[in-house]
Amino acid sequence: MMAKHTQDAASRDPKSLDSLADRLLHALELRNMTRLALEEEARLARGYASRILKGERLKLSPELMRRIADALRINYEWLATGRGNLDDPSSVPPPPSLSGTATQRSRALALEAALAYHQHKWSMPTVAAARAMVTLPDAEELQPPQWAEMLDEIEAALGRIQLKRRTA
C-alpha cells in the first residue's frame, strides 16, 4: 500500500486506487492541497484527514464524504467508491457566464482572479454565492482584493447561518 503513496500523483491511474485512503491522497496531490487545507475547507477536525489516510477511518458518513469531495472539487462517487471519473464536470460548479454585458464580464474576471489567487480558501457555497452576485444588475464593480474581502464576509455569514441551524 505504501508503494502507491510514494508514486507521483500524475503517474497513478485513478481507476487503480483501491482504498479511500489511496483516492484521497491522489486527489490531495492532484489538487496540490495539504491535509490541513482540506480539513479547513471541509470543516473536519484537526488530524481527521491523516486518520483517513492511515486507514483508521474506513467508513465516512455521506455528508462528510460530500464535504471532502466538494473541498477537493472532485466527483463524490469516485471518492466514495472508486467508480466514475475523478473530475466529473457535474461535480464542479462552473464559473459565471462570460456572455453577459461588458460590466458583468469585468466583474466575473475580477472575481475569478481573486479565486485563483486564493486557491481553496473559500467553501463552494461561498464561491457560488459570489458568482451569483456577479450577475446582479446593480452589483458594484470590485477589484480582486475587494472580492477577496467580500468572499471572507460571505464565508463568515454562511458560517453564522450554519451555526444557528445546528443550535436550533
C-alpha atoms as a PDB file:
ATOM      1  CA  MET A   1       0.000   0.000   0.000  1.00  0.00           C
ATOM      2  CA  MET A   2       2.840   2.422   0.739  1.00  0.00           C
ATOM      3  CA  ALA A   3       4.194   1.973  -2.775  1.00  0.00           C
ATOM      4  CA  LYS A   4       1.100   3.640  -4.168  1.00  0.00           C
ATOM      5  CA  HIS A   5       1.548   6.570  -1.789  1.00  0.00           C
ATOM      6  CA  THR A   6       5.110   7.205  -2.929  1.00  0.00           C
ATOM      7  CA  GLN A   7       4.282   7.316  -6.624  1.00  0.00           C
ATOM      8  CA  ASP A   8       3.872  10.663  -8.324  1.00  0.00           C
ATOM      9  CA  ALA A   9       0.158  11.607  -8.496  1.00  0.00           C
ATOM     10  CA  ALA A  10       0.290  12.236 -12.222  1.00  0.00           C
ATOM     11  CA  SER A  11       1.633   8.724 -12.908  1.00  0.00           C
ATOM     12  CA  ARG A  12      -1.130   6.942 -10.963  1.00  0.00           C
ATOM     13  CA  ASP A  13      -4.138   5.543 -12.707  1.00  0.00           C
ATOM     14  CA  PRO A  14      -7.142   6.933 -10.739  1.00  0.00           C
ATOM     15  CA  LYS A  15      -9.098   3.760 -11.556  1.00  0.00           C
ATOM     16  CA  SER A  16      -6.499   1.540  -9.831  1.00  0.00           C
ATOM     17  CA  LEU A  17      -6.781   3.259  -6.444  1.00  0.00           C
ATOM     18  CA  ASP A  18      -8.470   0.644  -4.289  1.00  0.00           C
ATOM     19  CA  SER A  19      -8.962   2.317  -0.932  1.00  0.00           C
ATOM     20  CA  LEU A  20     -10.474   5.570   0.242  1.00  0.00           C
ATOM     21  CA  ALA A  21      -7.040   6.493   1.617  1.00  0.00           C
ATOM     22  CA  ASP A  22      -5.417   5.942  -1.799  1.00  0.00           C
ATOM     23  CA  ARG A  23      -8.077   8.006  -3.577  1.00  0.00           C
ATOM     24  CA  LEU A  24      -7.898  10.803  -1.023  1.00  0.00           C
ATOM     25  CA  LEU A  25      -4.105  11.017  -1.228  1.00  0.00           C
ATOM     26  CA  HIS A  26      -4.269  11.000  -5.027  1.00  0.00           C
ATOM     27  CA  ALA A  27      -6.820  13.849  -5.039  1.00  0.00           C
ATOM     28  CA  LEU A  28      -4.838  15.875  -2.494  1.00  0.00           C
ATOM     29  CA  GLU A  29      -1.714  15.585  -4.628  1.00  0.00           C
ATOM     30  CA  LEU A  30      -3.541  16.435  -7.859  1.00  0.00           C
ATOM     31  CA  ARG A  31      -5.138  19.491  -6.259  1.00  0.00           C
ATOM     32  CA  ASN A  32      -1.864  20.453  -4.598  1.00  0.00           C
ATOM     33  CA  MET A  33      -3.773  20.685  -1.317  1.00  0.00           C
ATOM     34  CA  THR A  34      -2.392  19.967   2.131  1.00  0.00           C
ATOM     35  CA  ARG A  35      -4.193  17.861   4.704  1.00  0.00           C
ATOM     36  CA  LEU A  36      -4.633  20.952   6.859  1.00  0.00           C
ATOM     37  CA  ALA A  37      -6.162  22.908   3.966  1.00  0.00           C
ATOM     38  CA  LEU A  38      -8.560  20.018   3.316  1.00  0.00           C
ATOM     39  CA  GLU A  39      -9.536  19.899   6.984  1.00  0.00           C
ATOM     40  CA  GLU A  40     -10.239  23.629   6.969  1.00  0.00           C
ATOM     41  CA  GLU A  41     -12.124  23.614   3.654  1.00  0.00           C
ATOM     42  CA  ALA A  42     -14.221  20.548   4.516  1.00  0.00           C
ATOM     43  CA  ARG A  43     -14.659  21.615   8.149  1.00  0.00           C
ATOM     44  CA  LEU A  44     -13.004  18.472   9.538  1.00  0.00           C
ATOM     45  CA  ALA A  45     -11.425  18.090  12.964  1.00  0.00           C
ATOM     46  CA  ARG A  46      -7.651  18.534  13.080  1.00  0.00           C
ATOM     47  CA  GLY A  47      -5.895  15.319  12.154  1.00  0.00           C
ATOM     48  CA  TYR A  48      -9.009  13.739  10.631  1.00  0.00           C
ATOM     49  CA  ALA A  49      -7.534  13.632   7.109  1.00  0.00           C
ATOM     50  CA  SER A  50      -4.420  11.916   8.487  1.00  0.00           C
ATOM     51  CA  ARG A  51      -6.572   9.293  10.209  1.00  0.00           C
ATOM     52  CA  ILE A  52      -8.347   8.597   6.910  1.00  0.00           C
ATOM     53  CA  LEU A  53      -5.004   8.305   5.098  1.00  0.00           C
ATOM     54  CA  LYS A  54      -3.677   5.898   7.752  1.00  0.00           C
ATOM     55  CA  GLY A  55      -6.750   3.718   7.294  1.00  0.00           C
ATOM     56  CA  GLU A  56      -8.086   4.455  10.775  1.00  0.00           C
ATOM     57  CA  ARG A  57     -11.312   5.845   9.307  1.00  0.00           C
ATOM     58  CA  LEU A  58     -12.688   3.460   6.681  1.00  0.00           C
ATOM     59  CA  LYS A  59     -16.361   4.421   6.622  1.00  0.00           C
ATOM     60  CA  LEU A  60     -17.478   8.029   6.456  1.00  0.00           C
ATOM     61  CA  SER A  61     -20.980   9.436   6.558  1.00  0.00           C
ATOM     62  CA  PRO A  62     -22.378  10.553   3.190  1.00  0.00           C
ATOM     63  CA  GLU A  63     -22.422  14.159   4.452  1.00  0.00           C
ATOM     64  CA  LEU A  64     -18.761  14.025   5.473  1.00  0.00           C
ATOM     65  CA  MET A  65     -17.807  12.372   2.179  1.00  0.00           C
ATOM     66  CA  ARG A  66     -19.690  15.141   0.317  1.00  0.00           C
ATOM     67  CA  ARG A  67     -17.815  17.873   2.209  1.00  0.00           C
ATOM     68  CA  ILE A  68     -14.470  16.257   1.379  1.00  0.00           C
ATOM     69  CA  ALA A  69     -15.375  15.785  -2.309  1.00  0.00           C
ATOM     70  CA  ASP A  70     -16.623  19.380  -2.544  1.00  0.00           C
ATOM     71  CA  ALA A  71     -13.494  20.737  -0.858  1.00  0.00           C
ATOM     72  CA  LEU A  72     -11.318  18.830  -3.333  1.00  0.00           C
ATOM     73  CA  ARG A  73     -13.652  19.667  -6.231  1.00  0.00           C
ATOM     74  CA  ILE A  74     -13.855  16.020  -7.239  1.00  0.00           C
ATOM     75  CA  ASN A  75     -16.584  13.537  -8.034  1.00  0.00           C
ATOM     76  CA  TYR A  76     -18.299  12.252  -4.881  1.00  0.00           C
ATOM     77  CA  GLU A  77     -18.886   8.771  -6.301  1.00  0.00           C
ATOM     78  CA  TRP A  78     -15.241   8.410  -7.330  1.00  0.00           C
ATOM     79  CA  LEU A  79     -14.038   9.391  -3.851  1.00  0.00           C
ATOM     80  CA  ALA A  80     -16.507   7.086  -2.089  1.00  0.00           C
ATOM     81  CA  THR A  81     -16.265   4.014  -4.334  1.00  0.00           C
ATOM     82  CA  GLY A  82     -13.576   4.482  -6.981  1.00  0.00           C
ATOM     83  CA  ARG A  83     -16.227   4.297  -9.725  1.00  0.00           C
ATOM     84  CA  GLY A  84     -16.606   7.024 -12.317  1.00  0.00           C
ATOM     85  CA  ASN A  85     -14.170   9.811 -13.104  1.00  0.00           C
ATOM     86  CA  LEU A  86     -12.251  11.836 -10.543  1.00  0.00           C
ATOM     87  CA  ASP A  87     -13.059  15.037 -12.423  1.00  0.00           C
ATOM     88  CA  ASP A  88     -16.771  14.761 -13.108  1.00  0.00           C
ATOM     89  CA  PRO A  89     -17.768  18.103 -14.646  1.00  0.00           C
ATOM     90  CA  SER A  90     -21.128  17.940 -12.903  1.00  0.00           C
ATOM     91  CA  SER A  91     -19.397  17.945  -9.505  1.00  0.00           C
ATOM     92  CA  VAL A  92     -17.667  21.296 -10.034  1.00  0.00           C
ATOM     93  CA  PRO A  93     -19.774  24.428 -10.310  1.00  0.00           C
ATOM     94  CA  PRO A  94     -18.951  26.395 -13.451  1.00  0.00           C
ATOM     95  CA  PRO A  95     -17.609  29.949 -13.330  1.00  0.00           C
ATOM     96  CA  PRO A  96     -20.076  32.703 -14.131  1.00  0.00           C
ATOM     97  CA  SER A  97     -21.105  33.166 -17.713  1.00  0.00           C
ATOM     98  CA  LEU A  98     -18.837  35.483 -19.608  1.00  0.00           C
ATOM     99  CA  SER A  99     -21.532  36.075 -22.206  1.00  0.00           C
ATOM    100  CA  GLY A 100     -23.279  38.850 -20.241  1.00  0.00           C
ATOM    101  CA  THR A 101     -22.671  42.554 -20.501  1.00  0.00           C
ATOM    102  CA  ALA A 102     -19.160  44.020 -20.547  1.00  0.00           C
ATOM    103  CA  THR A 103     -19.654  45.055 -16.913  1.00  0.00           C
ATOM    104  CA  GLN A 104     -20.687  41.517 -15.890  1.00  0.00           C
ATOM    105  CA  ARG A 105     -17.684  40.079 -17.734  1.00  0.00           C
ATOM    106  CA  SER A 106     -15.391  42.546 -15.971  1.00  0.00           C
ATOM    107  CA  ARG A 107     -16.878  41.622 -12.570  1.00  0.00           C
ATOM    108  CA  ALA A 108     -16.601  37.916 -13.357  1.00  0.00           C
ATOM    109  CA  LEU A 109     -12.945  38.217 -14.375  1.00  0.00           C
ATOM    110  CA  ALA A 110     -12.086  40.150 -11.191  1.00  0.00           C
ATOM    111  CA  LEU A 111     -13.847  37.536  -9.047  1.00  0.00           C
ATOM    112  CA  GLU A 112     -12.153  34.631 -10.833  1.00  0.00           C
ATOM    113  CA  ALA A 113      -8.779  36.366 -10.369  1.00  0.00           C
ATOM    114  CA  ALA A 114      -9.401  36.570  -6.612  1.00  0.00           C
ATOM    115  CA  LEU A 115     -10.447  32.899  -6.536  1.00  0.00           C
ATOM    116  CA  ALA A 116      -7.377  31.812  -8.496  1.00  0.00           C
ATOM    117  CA  TYR A 117      -5.030  33.797  -6.262  1.00  0.00           C
ATOM    118  CA  HIS A 118      -6.530  32.393  -3.050  1.00  0.00           C
ATOM    119  CA  GLN A 119      -6.987  28.775  -4.196  1.00  0.00           C
ATOM    120  CA  HIS A 120      -9.187  26.639  -1.920  1.00  0.00           C
ATOM    121  CA  LYS A 121      -9.663  29.395   0.671  1.00  0.00           C
ATOM    122  CA  TRP A 122     -13.455  29.546   0.493  1.00  0.00           C
ATOM    123  CA  SER A 123     -16.163  26.887   0.567  1.00  0.00           C
ATOM    124  CA  MET A 124     -18.132  26.006  -2.557  1.00  0.00           C
ATOM    125  CA  PRO A 125     -21.344  27.679  -1.236  1.00  0.00           C
ATOM    126  CA  THR A 126     -19.376  30.897  -0.709  1.00  0.00           C
ATOM    127  CA  VAL A 127     -17.969  30.774  -4.239  1.00  0.00           C
ATOM    128  CA  ALA A 128     -21.427  30.022  -5.671  1.00  0.00           C
ATOM    129  CA  ALA A 129     -22.929  32.992  -3.803  1.00  0.00           C
ATOM    130  CA  ALA A 130     -20.223  35.331  -5.081  1.00  0.00           C
ATOM    131  CA  ARG A 131     -20.649  34.064  -8.635  1.00  0.00           C
ATOM    132  CA  ALA A 132     -24.369  34.729  -8.374  1.00  0.00           C
ATOM    133  CA  MET A 133     -23.636  38.274  -7.207  1.00  0.00           C
ATOM    134  CA  VAL A 134     -21.644  38.925 -10.391  1.00  0.00           C
ATOM    135  CA  THR A 135     -24.819  38.647 -12.448  1.00  0.00           C
ATOM    136  CA  LEU A 136     -26.858  41.139 -10.394  1.00  0.00           C
ATOM    137  CA  PRO A 137     -27.581  44.257 -12.463  1.00  0.00           C
ATOM    138  CA  ASP A 138     -26.811  46.681  -9.614  1.00  0.00           C
ATOM    139  CA  ALA A 139     -23.710  44.888  -8.257  1.00  0.00           C
ATOM    140  CA  GLU A 140     -20.665  47.012  -7.558  1.00  0.00           C
ATOM    141  CA  GLU A 141     -17.556  46.893  -9.712  1.00  0.00           C
ATOM    142  CA  LEU A 142     -14.995  45.227  -7.429  1.00  0.00           C
ATOM    143  CA  GLN A 143     -11.298  44.562  -7.927  1.00  0.00           C
ATOM    144  CA  PRO A 144      -9.802  41.181  -6.911  1.00  0.00           C
ATOM    145  CA  PRO A 145      -8.696  42.354  -3.415  1.00  0.00           C
ATOM    146  CA  GLN A 146     -12.209  43.701  -2.788  1.00  0.00           C
ATOM    147  CA  TRP A 147     -13.697  40.403  -3.983  1.00  0.00           C
ATOM    148  CA  ALA A 148     -11.435  38.592  -1.505  1.00  0.00           C
ATOM    149  CA  GLU A 149     -12.863  40.737   1.321  1.00  0.00           C
ATOM    150  CA  MET A 150     -16.404  40.120   0.049  1.00  0.00           C
ATOM    151  CA  LEU A 151     -15.772  36.361  -0.089  1.00  0.00           C
ATOM    152  CA  ASP A 152     -14.495  36.455   3.511  1.00  0.00           C
ATOM    153  CA  GLU A 153     -17.719  38.236   4.554  1.00  0.00           C
ATOM    154  CA  ILE A 154     -19.913  35.725   2.698  1.00  0.00           C
ATOM    155  CA  GLU A 155     -17.999  32.824   4.272  1.00  0.00           C
ATOM    156  CA  ALA A 156     -18.470  34.315   7.747  1.00  0.00           C
ATOM    157  CA  ALA A 157     -22.196  34.901   7.129  1.00  0.00           C
ATOM    158  CA  LEU A 158     -22.688  31.334   5.908  1.00  0.00           C
ATOM    159  CA  GLY A 159     -20.839  30.080   8.979  1.00  0.00           C
ATOM    160  CA  ARG A 160     -23.200  32.023  11.243  1.00  0.00           C
ATOM    161  CA  ILE A 161     -26.207  30.609   9.389  1.00  0.00           C
ATOM    162  CA  GLN A 162     -24.936  27.040   9.836  1.00  0.00           C
ATOM    163  CA  LEU A 163     -24.160  27.661  13.487  1.00  0.00           C
ATOM    164  CA  LYS A 164     -27.716  28.904  14.076  1.00  0.00           C
ATOM    165  CA  ARG A 165     -29.123  25.884  12.240  1.00  0.00           C
ATOM    166  CA  ARG A 166     -27.079  23.484  14.408  1.00  0.00           C
ATOM    167  CA  THR A 167     -28.165  25.118  17.671  1.00  0.00           C
ATOM    168  CA  ALA A 168     -31.833  25.344  16.682  1.00  0.00           C
END
